[in-house]
Amino acid sequence: MTDIKKQAKQDIHELYDGLKKYEDQSPELMDITDVLQQVYHTLDTTKNPEALVNKLTKYIYISGFKKITFAPAENKLLANLGAIGQRAGLNGAYGSDYSDKSQFYGYKEEVPRHS
């Protein structure tokens, strides 16, 4: 496993654990933790981890915008993941709907719904 994948997995794991401790488990927050878990498991097999992490951070920011106030520790982890995602360069340019949770799941995988 590359250093980028290791660092991303560590940051995702810490972010997931931190968000699961929030008292208000809103549908948006549960969607974010679902996606964090999915990306964590997908990172080992993806050919372009930077692009996947880039999609992840954009999804989190769009899903949580004005709905979730992240603690400083979670903001730092998101910034770390954002820095990894920036390494994707043009490969990180993604023309899909960043707020669509299903982009992180395979064709035959069920997408958890909370709202």
PDB file of N, CA and C in Angstrom:
ATOM      1  N   MET A   1       0.855  -1.175   0.000  1.00  0.00           N
ATOM      2  CA  MET A   1       0.000   0.000   0.000  1.00  0.00           C
ATOM      3  C   MET A   1       0.902   1.239   0.000  1.00  0.00           C
ATOM      4  N   THR A   2       0.550   2.216  -0.798  1.00  0.00           N
ATOM      5  CA  THR A   2       1.360   3.424  -0.900  1.00  0.00           C
ATOM      6  C   THR A   2       1.181   4.308   0.333  1.00  0.00           C
ATOM      7  N   ASP A   3       2.123   5.225   0.512  1.00  0.00           N
ATOM      8  CA  ASP A   3       2.037   6.154   1.638  1.00  0.00           C
ATOM      9  C   ASP A   3       0.787   7.020   1.553  1.00  0.00           C
ATOM     10  N   ILE A   4       0.399   7.391   0.334  1.00  0.00           N
ATOM     11  CA  ILE A   4      -0.804   8.215   0.156  1.00  0.00           C
ATOM     12  C   ILE A   4      -2.036   7.453   0.634  1.00  0.00           C
ATOM     13  N   LYS A   5      -2.133   6.193   0.252  1.00  0.00           N
ATOM     14  CA  LYS A   5      -3.276   5.387   0.684  1.00  0.00           C
ATOM     15  C   LYS A   5      -3.280   5.212   2.196  1.00  0.00           C
ATOM     16  N   LYS A   6      -2.099   4.972   2.774  1.00  0.00           N
ATOM     17  CA  LYS A   6      -2.010   4.800   4.229  1.00  0.00           C
ATOM     18  C   LYS A   6      -2.456   6.059   4.955  1.00  0.00           C
ATOM     19  N   GLN A   7      -1.959   7.210   4.504  1.00  0.00           N
ATOM     20  CA  GLN A   7      -2.321   8.475   5.147  1.00  0.00           C
ATOM     21  C   GLN A   7      -3.806   8.762   4.983  1.00  0.00           C
ATOM     22  N   ALA A   8      -4.330   8.539   3.795  1.00  0.00           N
ATOM     23  CA  ALA A   8      -5.755   8.775   3.554  1.00  0.00           C
ATOM     24  C   ALA A   8      -6.604   7.863   4.435  1.00  0.00           C
ATOM     25  N   LYS A   9      -6.239   6.601   4.528  1.00  0.00           N
ATOM     26  CA  LYS A   9      -7.004   5.665   5.352  1.00  0.00           C
ATOM     27  C   LYS A   9      -6.958   6.065   6.822  1.00  0.00           C
ATOM     28  N   GLN A  10      -5.804   6.513   7.279  1.00  0.00           N
ATOM     29  CA  GLN A  10      -5.681   6.945   8.673  1.00  0.00           C
ATOM     30  C   GLN A  10      -6.574   8.161   8.936  1.00  0.00           C
ATOM     31  N   ASP A  11      -6.524   9.149   8.040  1.00  0.00           N
ATOM     32  CA  ASP A  11      -7.345  10.349   8.205  1.00  0.00           C
ATOM     33  C   ASP A  11      -8.833  10.021   8.114  1.00  0.00           C
ATOM     34  N   ILE A  12      -9.203   9.153   7.182  1.00  0.00           N
ATOM     35  CA  ILE A  12     -10.605   8.751   7.040  1.00  0.00           C
ATOM     36  C   ILE A  12     -11.078   8.032   8.299  1.00  0.00           C
ATOM     37  N   HIS A  13     -10.258   7.143   8.825  1.00  0.00           N
ATOM     38  CA  HIS A  13     -10.616   6.397  10.036  1.00  0.00           C
ATOM     39  C   HIS A  13     -10.833   7.351  11.214  1.00  0.00           C
ATOM     40  N   GLU A  14      -9.918   8.289  11.399  1.00  0.00           N
ATOM     41  CA  GLU A  14     -10.043   9.248  12.500  1.00  0.00           C
ATOM     42  C   GLU A  14     -11.257  10.154  12.311  1.00  0.00           C
ATOM     43  N   LEU A  15     -11.498  10.580  11.085  1.00  0.00           N
ATOM     44  CA  LEU A  15     -12.654  11.430  10.805  1.00  0.00           C
ATOM     45  C   LEU A  15     -13.951  10.669  11.064  1.00  0.00           C
ATOM     46  N   TYR A  16     -14.015   9.437  10.605  1.00  0.00           N
ATOM     47  CA  TYR A  16     -15.194   8.591  10.832  1.00  0.00           C
ATOM     48  C   TYR A  16     -15.463   8.449  12.333  1.00  0.00           C
ATOM     49  N   ASP A  17     -14.415   8.101  13.084  1.00  0.00           N
ATOM     50  CA  ASP A  17     -14.580   7.928  14.532  1.00  0.00           C
ATOM     51  C   ASP A  17     -15.055   9.215  15.200  1.00  0.00           C
ATOM     52  N   GLY A  18     -14.490  10.345  14.780  1.00  0.00           N
ATOM     53  CA  GLY A  18     -14.893  11.625  15.357  1.00  0.00           C
ATOM     54  C   GLY A  18     -16.341  11.971  15.050  1.00  0.00           C
ATOM     55  N   LEU A  19     -16.759  11.756  13.816  1.00  0.00           N
ATOM     56  CA  LEU A  19     -18.127  12.097  13.424  1.00  0.00           C
ATOM     57  C   LEU A  19     -19.155  11.173  14.071  1.00  0.00           C
ATOM     58  N   LYS A  20     -18.797   9.927  14.309  1.00  0.00           N
ATOM     59  CA  LYS A  20     -19.729   8.987  14.945  1.00  0.00           C
ATOM     60  C   LYS A  20     -20.007   9.367  16.399  1.00  0.00           C
ATOM     61  N   LYS A  21     -19.158  10.210  16.983  1.00  0.00           N
ATOM     62  CA  LYS A  21     -19.345  10.641  18.372  1.00  0.00           C
ATOM     63  C   LYS A  21     -20.285  11.840  18.490  1.00  0.00           C
ATOM     64  N   TYR A  22     -20.643  12.467  17.380  1.00  0.00           N
ATOM     65  CA  TYR A  22     -21.551  13.615  17.426  1.00  0.00           C
ATOM     66  C   TYR A  22     -22.905  13.163  17.959  1.00  0.00           C
ATOM     67  N   GLU A  23     -23.487  13.968  18.833  1.00  0.00           N
ATOM     68  CA  GLU A  23     -24.791  13.620  19.399  1.00  0.00           C
ATOM     69  C   GLU A  23     -25.885  13.624  18.341  1.00  0.00           C
ATOM     70  N   ASP A  24     -25.900  14.647  17.510  1.00  0.00           N
ATOM     71  CA  ASP A  24     -26.931  14.777  16.478  1.00  0.00           C
ATOM     72  C   ASP A  24     -26.496  14.014  15.228  1.00  0.00           C
ATOM     73  N   GLN A  25     -26.970  12.806  15.088  1.00  0.00           N
ATOM     74  CA  GLN A  25     -26.656  11.983  13.915  1.00  0.00           C
ATOM     75  C   GLN A  25     -27.715  12.245  12.840  1.00  0.00           C
ATOM     76  N   SER A  26     -27.601  13.412  12.206  1.00  0.00           N
ATOM     77  CA  SER A  26     -28.542  13.819  11.160  1.00  0.00           C
ATOM     78  C   SER A  26     -28.378  12.919   9.935  1.00  0.00           C
ATOM     79  N   PRO A  27     -29.374  12.910   9.048  1.00  0.00           N
ATOM     80  CA  PRO A  27     -29.232  12.115   7.818  1.00  0.00           C
ATOM     81  C   PRO A  27     -27.994  12.505   7.014  1.00  0.00           C
ATOM     82  N   GLU A  28     -27.670  13.807   6.979  1.00  0.00           N
ATOM     83  CA  GLU A  28     -26.483  14.252   6.244  1.00  0.00           C
ATOM     84  C   GLU A  28     -25.211  13.681   6.867  1.00  0.00           C
ATOM     85  N   LEU A  29     -25.150  13.702   8.184  1.00  0.00           N
ATOM     86  CA  LEU A  29     -23.971  13.175   8.871  1.00  0.00           C
ATOM     87  C   LEU A  29     -23.861  11.664   8.672  1.00  0.00           C
ATOM     88  N   MET A  30     -24.977  10.965   8.723  1.00  0.00           N
ATOM     89  CA  MET A  30     -24.943   9.518   8.500  1.00  0.00           C
ATOM     90  C   MET A  30     -24.537   9.191   7.070  1.00  0.00           C
ATOM     91  N   ASP A  31     -24.976  10.003   6.110  1.00  0.00           N
ATOM     92  CA  ASP A  31     -24.545   9.805   4.721  1.00  0.00           C
ATOM     93  C   ASP A  31     -23.034   9.990   4.597  1.00  0.00           C
ATOM     94  N   ILE A  32     -22.504  10.996   5.270  1.00  0.00           N
ATOM     95  CA  ILE A  32     -21.061  11.240   5.221  1.00  0.00           C
ATOM     96  C   ILE A  32     -20.297  10.076   5.831  1.00  0.00           C
ATOM     97  N   THR A  33     -20.752   9.557   6.964  1.00  0.00           N
ATOM     98  CA  THR A  33     -20.035   8.428   7.576  1.00  0.00           C
ATOM     99  C   THR A  33     -20.163   7.167   6.722  1.00  0.00           C
ATOM    100  N   ASP A  34     -21.299   6.989   6.052  1.00  0.00           N
ATOM    101  CA  ASP A  34     -21.433   5.858   5.117  1.00  0.00           C
ATOM    102  C   ASP A  34     -20.380   5.949   4.015  1.00  0.00           C
ATOM    103  N   VAL A  35     -20.242   7.147   3.444  1.00  0.00           N
ATOM    104  CA  VAL A  35     -19.296   7.348   2.343  1.00  0.00           C
ATOM    105  C   VAL A  35     -17.861   7.202   2.841  1.00  0.00           C
ATOM    106  N   LEU A  36     -17.566   7.713   4.027  1.00  0.00           N
ATOM    107  CA  LEU A  36     -16.220   7.537   4.590  1.00  0.00           C
ATOM    108  C   LEU A  36     -15.879   6.054   4.706  1.00  0.00           C
ATOM    109  N   GLN A  37     -16.821   5.281   5.195  1.00  0.00           N
ATOM    110  CA  GLN A  37     -16.609   3.840   5.341  1.00  0.00           C
ATOM    111  C   GLN A  37     -16.401   3.179   3.979  1.00  0.00           C
ATOM    112  N   GLN A  38     -17.197   3.567   3.000  1.00  0.00           N
ATOM    113  CA  GLN A  38     -17.086   2.988   1.662  1.00  0.00           C
ATOM    114  C   GLN A  38     -15.735   3.321   1.032  1.00  0.00           C
ATOM    115  N   VAL A  39     -15.319   4.577   1.122  1.00  0.00           N
ATOM    116  CA  VAL A  39     -14.041   4.987   0.535  1.00  0.00           C
ATOM    117  C   VAL A  39     -12.890   4.303   1.261  1.00  0.00           C
ATOM    118  N   TYR A  40     -12.983   4.168   2.561  1.00  0.00           N
ATOM    119  CA  TYR A  40     -11.948   3.482   3.339  1.00  0.00           C
ATOM    120  C   TYR A  40     -11.707   2.079   2.780  1.00  0.00           C
ATOM    121  N   HIS A  41     -12.781   1.366   2.482  1.00  0.00           N
ATOM    122  CA  HIS A  41     -12.656  -0.005   1.968  1.00  0.00           C
ATOM    123  C   HIS A  41     -12.249  -0.041   0.500  1.00  0.00           C
ATOM    124  N   THR A  42     -12.576   0.997  -0.250  1.00  0.00           N
ATOM    125  CA  THR A  42     -12.272   1.045  -1.680  1.00  0.00           C
ATOM    126  C   THR A  42     -10.839   1.483  -1.966  1.00  0.00           C
ATOM    127  N   LEU A  43     -10.232   2.212  -1.043  1.00  0.00           N
ATOM    128  CA  LEU A  43      -8.894   2.768  -1.278  1.00  0.00           C
ATOM    129  C   LEU A  43      -7.850   1.712  -1.619  1.00  0.00           C
ATOM    130  N   ASP A  44      -7.944   0.545  -1.024  1.00  0.00           N
ATOM    131  CA  ASP A  44      -6.938  -0.498  -1.264  1.00  0.00           C
ATOM    132  C   ASP A  44      -6.882  -0.935  -2.723  1.00  0.00           C
ATOM    133  N   THR A  45      -8.001  -0.881  -3.412  1.00  0.00           N
ATOM    134  CA  THR A  45      -8.046  -1.411  -4.778  1.00  0.00           C
ATOM    135  C   THR A  45      -8.114  -0.337  -5.862  1.00  0.00           C
ATOM    136  N   THR A  46      -8.260   0.911  -5.473  1.00  0.00           N
ATOM    137  CA  THR A  46      -8.376   1.961  -6.490  1.00  0.00           C
ATOM    138  C   THR A  46      -7.018   2.278  -7.113  1.00  0.00           C
ATOM    139  N   LYS A  47      -7.044   2.595  -8.395  1.00  0.00           N
ATOM    140  CA  LYS A  47      -5.799   2.912  -9.106  1.00  0.00           C
ATOM    141  C   LYS A  47      -5.400   4.370  -8.927  1.00  0.00           C
ATOM    142  N   ASN A  48      -6.361   5.216  -8.593  1.00  0.00           N
ATOM    143  CA  ASN A  48      -6.077   6.640  -8.437  1.00  0.00           C
ATOM    144  C   ASN A  48      -6.659   7.127  -7.105  1.00  0.00           C
ATOM    145  N   PRO A  49      -5.955   6.860  -6.003  1.00  0.00           N
ATOM    146  CA  PRO A  49      -6.499   7.235  -4.696  1.00  0.00           C
ATOM    147  C   PRO A  49      -6.693   8.743  -4.530  1.00  0.00           C
ATOM    148  N   GLU A  50      -5.837   9.539  -5.172  1.00  0.00           N
ATOM    149  CA  GLU A  50      -5.962  10.988  -5.051  1.00  0.00           C
ATOM    150  C   GLU A  50      -7.293  11.480  -5.607  1.00  0.00           C
ATOM    151  N   ALA A  51      -7.702  10.948  -6.744  1.00  0.00           N
ATOM    152  CA  ALA A  51      -8.976  11.356  -7.350  1.00  0.00           C
ATOM    153  C   ALA A  51     -10.157  10.925  -6.477  1.00  0.00           C
ATOM    154  N   LEU A  52     -10.076   9.738  -5.906  1.00  0.00           N
ATOM    155  CA  LEU A  52     -11.147   9.254  -5.031  1.00  0.00           C
ATOM    156  C   LEU A  52     -11.253  10.124  -3.783  1.00  0.00           C
ATOM    157  N   VAL A  53     -10.121  10.463  -3.193  1.00  0.00           N
ATOM    158  CA  VAL A  53     -10.122  11.317  -2.004  1.00  0.00           C
ATOM    159  C   VAL A  53     -10.606  12.721  -2.364  1.00  0.00           C
ATOM    160  N   ASN A  54     -10.281  13.187  -3.548  1.00  0.00           N
ATOM    161  CA  ASN A  54     -10.765  14.484  -4.013  1.00  0.00           C
ATOM    162  C   ASN A  54     -12.294  14.485  -4.083  1.00  0.00           C
ATOM    163  N   LYS A  55     -12.870  13.446  -4.663  1.00  0.00           N
ATOM    164  CA  LYS A  55     -14.335  13.323  -4.726  1.00  0.00           C
ATOM    165  C   LYS A  55     -14.925  13.278  -3.322  1.00  0.00           C
ATOM    166  N   LEU A  56     -14.258  12.541  -2.435  1.00  0.00           N
ATOM    167  CA  LEU A  56     -14.730  12.400  -1.059  1.00  0.00           C
ATOM    168  C   LEU A  56     -14.799  13.750  -0.359  1.00  0.00           C
ATOM    169  N   THR A  57     -13.732  14.515  -0.423  1.00  0.00           N
ATOM    170  CA  THR A  57     -13.721  15.798   0.285  1.00  0.00           C
ATOM    171  C   THR A  57     -14.765  16.754  -0.289  1.00  0.00           C
ATOM    172  N   LYS A  58     -14.929  16.756  -1.595  1.00  0.00           N
ATOM    173  CA  LYS A  58     -15.951  17.623  -2.194  1.00  0.00           C
ATOM    174  C   LYS A  58     -17.346  17.185  -1.760  1.00  0.00           C
ATOM    175  N   TYR A  59     -17.566  15.887  -1.707  1.00  0.00           N
ATOM    176  CA  TYR A  59     -18.854  15.368  -1.256  1.00  0.00           C
ATOM    177  C   TYR A  59     -19.135  15.808   0.186  1.00  0.00           C
ATOM    178  N   ILE A  60     -18.129  15.679   1.050  1.00  0.00           N
ATOM    179  CA  ILE A  60     -18.315  16.037   2.460  1.00  0.00           C
ATOM    180  C   ILE A  60     -18.624  17.521   2.602  1.00  0.00           C
ATOM    181  N   TYR A  61     -17.860  18.366   1.926  1.00  0.00           N
ATOM    182  CA  TYR A  61     -18.097  19.805   2.038  1.00  0.00           C
ATOM    183  C   TYR A  61     -19.470  20.197   1.503  1.00  0.00           C
ATOM    184  N   ILE A  62     -19.882  19.619   0.395  1.00  0.00           N
ATOM    185  CA  ILE A  62     -21.185  19.962  -0.180  1.00  0.00           C
ATOM    186  C   ILE A  62     -22.320  19.409   0.676  1.00  0.00           C
ATOM    187  N   SER A  63     -22.188  18.186   1.151  1.00  0.00           N
ATOM    188  CA  SER A  63     -23.242  17.571   1.964  1.00  0.00           C
ATOM    189  C   SER A  63     -23.386  18.250   3.320  1.00  0.00           C
ATOM    190  N   GLY A  64     -22.275  18.667   3.888  1.00  0.00           N
ATOM    191  CA  GLY A  64     -22.311  19.261   5.216  1.00  0.00           C
ATOM    192  C   GLY A  64     -22.465  20.764   5.242  1.00  0.00           C
ATOM    193  N   PHE A  65     -22.398  21.412   4.075  1.00  0.00           N
ATOM    194  CA  PHE A  65     -22.445  22.868   4.008  1.00  0.00           C
ATOM    195  C   PHE A  65     -23.708  23.409   4.666  1.00  0.00           C
ATOM    196  N   LYS A  66     -23.546  24.268   5.649  1.00  0.00           N
ATOM    197  CA  LYS A  66     -24.620  24.914   6.409  1.00  0.00           C
ATOM    198  C   LYS A  66     -25.484  23.930   7.195  1.00  0.00           C
ATOM    199  N   LYS A  67     -25.141  22.659   7.214  1.00  0.00           N
ATOM    200  CA  LYS A  67     -25.944  21.679   7.937  1.00  0.00           C
ATOM    201  C   LYS A  67     -25.176  21.066   9.099  1.00  0.00           C
ATOM    202  N   ILE A  68     -23.860  21.001   8.962  1.00  0.00           N
ATOM    203  CA  ILE A  68     -23.024  20.371   9.979  1.00  0.00           C
ATOM    204  C   ILE A  68     -21.882  21.322  10.317  1.00  0.00           C
ATOM    205  N   THR A  69     -21.678  21.545  11.603  1.00  0.00           N
ATOM    206  CA  THR A  69     -20.530  22.326  12.049  1.00  0.00           C
ATOM    207  C   THR A  69     -19.481  21.334  12.531  1.00  0.00           C
ATOM    208  N   PHE A  70     -18.393  21.252  11.786  1.00  0.00           N
ATOM    209  CA  PHE A  70     -17.336  20.314  12.134  1.00  0.00           C
ATOM    210  C   PHE A  70     -16.466  20.887  13.246  1.00  0.00           C
ATOM    211  N   ALA A  71     -16.042  20.026  14.153  1.00  0.00           N
ATOM    212  CA  ALA A  71     -15.112  20.409  15.216  1.00  0.00           C
ATOM    213  C   ALA A  71     -13.741  20.690  14.597  1.00  0.00           C
ATOM    214  N   PRO A  72     -12.891  21.449  15.286  1.00  0.00           N
ATOM    215  CA  PRO A  72     -11.560  21.748  14.742  1.00  0.00           C
ATOM    216  C   PRO A  72     -10.760  20.502  14.346  1.00  0.00           C
ATOM    217  N   ALA A  73     -10.858  19.445  15.122  1.00  0.00           N
ATOM    218  CA  ALA A  73     -10.116  18.213  14.793  1.00  0.00           C
ATOM    219  C   ALA A  73     -10.596  17.629  13.464  1.00  0.00           C
ATOM    220  N   GLU A  74     -11.910  17.636  13.243  1.00  0.00           N
ATOM    221  CA  GLU A  74     -12.449  17.110  11.991  1.00  0.00           C
ATOM    222  C   GLU A  74     -12.100  18.028  10.816  1.00  0.00           C
ATOM    223  N   ASN A  75     -12.111  19.342  11.055  1.00  0.00           N
ATOM    224  CA  ASN A  75     -11.707  20.277   9.998  1.00  0.00           C
ATOM    225  C   ASN A  75     -10.261  20.045   9.580  1.00  0.00           C
ATOM    226  N   LYS A  76      -9.400  19.756  10.542  1.00  0.00           N
ATOM    227  CA  LYS A  76      -7.989  19.482  10.230  1.00  0.00           C
ATOM    228  C   LYS A  76      -7.864  18.211   9.389  1.00  0.00           C
ATOM    229  N   LEU A  77      -8.614  17.180   9.749  1.00  0.00           N
ATOM    230  CA  LEU A  77      -8.585  15.938   8.975  1.00  0.00           C
ATOM    231  C   LEU A  77      -9.119  16.166   7.560  1.00  0.00           C
ATOM    232  N   LEU A  78     -10.173  16.968   7.433  1.00  0.00           N
ATOM    233  CA  LEU A  78     -10.701  17.291   6.102  1.00  0.00           C
ATOM    234  C   LEU A  78      -9.673  18.060   5.281  1.00  0.00           C
ATOM    235  N   ALA A  79      -8.943  18.959   5.935  1.00  0.00           N
ATOM    236  CA  ALA A  79      -7.895  19.705   5.228  1.00  0.00           C
ATOM    237  C   ALA A  79      -6.789  18.761   4.763  1.00  0.00           C
ATOM    238  N   ASN A  80      -6.425  17.797   5.609  1.00  0.00           N
ATOM    239  CA  ASN A  80      -5.417  16.800   5.223  1.00  0.00           C
ATOM    240  C   ASN A  80      -5.888  16.003   4.011  1.00  0.00           C
ATOM    241  N   LEU A  81      -7.135  15.578   4.044  1.00  0.00           N
ATOM    242  CA  LEU A  81      -7.689  14.818   2.918  1.00  0.00           C
ATOM    243  C   LEU A  81      -7.776  15.689   1.672  1.00  0.00           C
ATOM    244  N   GLY A  82      -8.114  16.958   1.853  1.00  0.00           N
ATOM    245  CA  GLY A  82      -8.158  17.881   0.725  1.00  0.00           C
ATOM    246  C   GLY A  82      -6.796  18.038   0.066  1.00  0.00           C
ATOM    247  N   ALA A  83      -5.741  18.062   0.889  1.00  0.00           N
ATOM    248  CA  ALA A  83      -4.380  18.170   0.348  1.00  0.00           C
ATOM    249  C   ALA A  83      -4.019  16.930  -0.465  1.00  0.00           C
ATOM    250  N   ILE A  84      -4.447  15.766   0.008  1.00  0.00           N
ATOM    251  CA  ILE A  84      -4.216  14.530  -0.752  1.00  0.00           C
ATOM    252  C   ILE A  84      -4.987  14.594  -2.070  1.00  0.00           C
ATOM    253  N   GLY A  85      -6.240  15.036  -2.011  1.00  0.00           N
ATOM    254  CA  GLY A  85      -7.073  15.129  -3.209  1.00  0.00           C
ATOM    255  C   GLY A  85      -6.538  16.100  -4.237  1.00  0.00           C
ATOM    256  N   GLN A  86      -5.864  17.155  -3.787  1.00  0.00           N
ATOM    257  CA  GLN A  86      -5.308  18.133  -4.726  1.00  0.00           C
ATOM    258  C   GLN A  86      -4.206  17.534  -5.581  1.00  0.00           C
ATOM    259  N   ARG A  87      -3.586  16.483  -5.115  1.00  0.00           N
ATOM    260  CA  ARG A  87      -2.530  15.822  -5.891  1.00  0.00           C
ATOM    261  C   ARG A  87      -3.081  15.148  -7.144  1.00  0.00           C
ATOM    262  N   ALA A  88      -4.387  15.026  -7.218  1.00  0.00           N
ATOM    263  CA  ALA A  88      -5.001  14.383  -8.383  1.00  0.00           C
ATOM    264  C   ALA A  88      -4.848  15.240  -9.627  1.00  0.00           C
ATOM    265  N   GLY A  89      -4.667  16.543  -9.449  1.00  0.00           N
ATOM    266  CA  GLY A  89      -4.523  17.439 -10.594  1.00  0.00           C
ATOM    267  C   GLY A  89      -5.730  17.366 -11.498  1.00  0.00           C
ATOM    268  N   LEU A  90      -5.488  17.291 -12.793  1.00  0.00           N
ATOM    269  CA  LEU A  90      -6.595  17.220 -13.749  1.00  0.00           C
ATOM    270  C   LEU A  90      -7.350  15.909 -13.644  1.00  0.00           C
ATOM    271  N   ASN A  91      -6.700  14.867 -13.138  1.00  0.00           N
ATOM    272  CA  ASN A  91      -7.400  13.596 -12.957  1.00  0.00           C
ATOM    273  C   ASN A  91      -8.489  13.704 -11.901  1.00  0.00           C
ATOM    274  N   GLY A  92      -8.388  14.714 -11.050  1.00  0.00           N
ATOM    275  CA  GLY A  92      -9.398  14.915 -10.021  1.00  0.00           C
ATOM    276  C   GLY A  92     -10.603  15.676 -10.524  1.00  0.00           C
ATOM    277  N   ALA A  93     -10.497  16.244 -11.716  1.00  0.00           N
ATOM    278  CA  ALA A  93     -11.636  16.962 -12.292  1.00  0.00           C
ATOM    279  C   ALA A  93     -12.723  15.946 -12.600  1.00  0.00           C
ATOM    280  N   TYR A  94     -13.857  16.136 -12.001  1.00  0.00           N
ATOM    281  CA  TYR A  94     -14.912  15.142 -12.062  1.00  0.00           C
ATOM    282  C   TYR A  94     -16.200  15.851 -12.417  1.00  0.00           C
ATOM    283  N   GLY A  95     -16.823  15.495 -13.504  1.00  0.00           N
ATOM    284  CA  GLY A  95     -17.987  16.220 -13.983  1.00  0.00           C
ATOM    285  C   GLY A  95     -19.310  15.749 -13.438  1.00  0.00           C
ATOM    286  N   SER A  96     -19.313  14.987 -12.389  1.00  0.00           N
ATOM    287  CA  SER A  96     -20.552  14.446 -11.858  1.00  0.00           C
ATOM    288  C   SER A  96     -21.101  15.335 -10.747  1.00  0.00           C
ATOM    289  N   ASP A  97     -22.235  14.955 -10.230  1.00  0.00           N
ATOM    290  CA  ASP A  97     -22.871  15.651  -9.120  1.00  0.00           C
ATOM    291  C   ASP A  97     -22.144  15.268  -7.836  1.00  0.00           C
ATOM    292  N   TYR A  98     -21.407  16.212  -7.264  1.00  0.00           N
ATOM    293  CA  TYR A  98     -20.624  15.923  -6.060  1.00  0.00           C
ATOM    294  C   TYR A  98     -21.496  15.561  -4.870  1.00  0.00           C
ATOM    295  N   SER A  99     -22.757  15.939  -4.884  1.00  0.00           N
ATOM    296  CA  SER A  99     -23.626  15.647  -3.753  1.00  0.00           C
ATOM    297  C   SER A  99     -24.287  14.274  -3.861  1.00  0.00           C
ATOM    298  N   ASP A 100     -24.002  13.538  -4.911  1.00  0.00           N
ATOM    299  CA  ASP A 100     -24.606  12.221  -5.134  1.00  0.00           C
ATOM    300  C   ASP A 100     -23.793  11.138  -4.437  1.00  0.00           C
ATOM    301  N   LYS A 101     -24.366  10.584  -3.402  1.00  0.00           N
ATOM    302  CA  LYS A 101     -23.703   9.561  -2.597  1.00  0.00           C
ATOM    303  C   LYS A 101     -23.406   8.293  -3.398  1.00  0.00           C
ATOM    304  N   SER A 102     -24.208   7.996  -4.386  1.00  0.00           N
ATOM    305  CA  SER A 102     -24.066   6.742  -5.135  1.00  0.00           C
ATOM    306  C   SER A 102     -22.774   6.669  -5.947  1.00  0.00           C
ATOM    307  N   GLN A 103     -22.089   7.803  -6.156  1.00  0.00           N
ATOM    308  CA  GLN A 103     -20.843   7.793  -6.923  1.00  0.00           C
ATOM    309  C   GLN A 103     -19.746   6.967  -6.248  1.00  0.00           C
ATOM    310  N   PHE A 104     -19.912   6.663  -4.971  1.00  0.00           N
ATOM    311  CA  PHE A 104     -18.900   5.918  -4.229  1.00  0.00           C
ATOM    312  C   PHE A 104     -19.199   4.422  -4.157  1.00  0.00           C
ATOM    313  N   TYR A 105     -20.306   4.013  -4.734  1.00  0.00           N
ATOM    314  CA  TYR A 105     -20.726   2.619  -4.662  1.00  0.00           C
ATOM    315  C   TYR A 105     -20.716   1.990  -6.047  1.00  0.00           C
ATOM    316  N   GLY A 106     -20.422   0.703  -6.075  1.00  0.00           N
ATOM    317  CA  GLY A 106     -20.423  -0.031  -7.326  1.00  0.00           C
ATOM    318  C   GLY A 106     -21.836  -0.253  -7.835  1.00  0.00           C
ATOM    319  N   TYR A 107     -21.908  -0.684  -9.071  1.00  0.00           N
ATOM    320  CA  TYR A 107     -23.186  -0.890  -9.739  1.00  0.00           C
ATOM    321  C   TYR A 107     -24.092  -1.856  -8.973  1.00  0.00           C
ATOM    322  N   LYS A 108     -23.513  -2.899  -8.403  1.00  0.00           N
ATOM    323  CA  LYS A 108     -24.302  -3.926  -7.728  1.00  0.00           C
ATOM    324  C   LYS A 108     -24.393  -3.722  -6.217  1.00  0.00           C
ATOM    325  N   GLU A 109     -23.804  -2.646  -5.701  1.00  0.00           N
ATOM    326  CA  GLU A 109     -23.834  -2.392  -4.265  1.00  0.00           C
ATOM    327  C   GLU A 109     -25.041  -1.536  -3.892  1.00  0.00           C
ATOM    328  N   GLU A 110     -25.624  -1.853  -2.754  1.00  0.00           N
ATOM    329  CA  GLU A 110     -26.757  -1.081  -2.270  1.00  0.00           C
ATOM    330  C   GLU A 110     -26.252   0.184  -1.588  1.00  0.00           C
ATOM    331  N   VAL A 111     -26.866   1.304  -1.905  1.00  0.00           N
ATOM    332  CA  VAL A 111     -26.501   2.589  -1.313  1.00  0.00           C
ATOM    333  C   VAL A 111     -27.398   2.828  -0.101  1.00  0.00           C
ATOM    334  N   PRO A 112     -26.818   2.937   1.107  1.00  0.00           N
ATOM    335  CA  PRO A 112     -27.642   3.191   2.298  1.00  0.00           C
ATOM    336  C   PRO A 112     -28.348   4.544   2.204  1.00  0.00           C
ATOM    337  N   ARG A 113     -29.596   4.600   2.591  1.00  0.00           N
ATOM    338  CA  ARG A 113     -30.377   5.849   2.572  1.00  0.00           C
ATOM    339  C   ARG A 113     -30.847   6.165   3.991  1.00  0.00           C
ATOM    340  N   HIS A 114     -30.742   7.437   4.386  1.00  0.00           N
ATOM    341  CA  HIS A 114     -31.128   7.849   5.737  1.00  0.00           C
ATOM    342  C   HIS A 114     -32.189   8.936   5.758  1.00  0.00           C
ATOM    343  N   SER A 115     -32.558   9.455   4.609  1.00  0.00           N
ATOM    344  CA  SER A 115     -33.542  10.549   4.636  1.00  0.00           C
ATOM    345  C   SER A 115     -34.800  10.186   3.893  1.00  0.00           C
TER     346      SER A 115
END
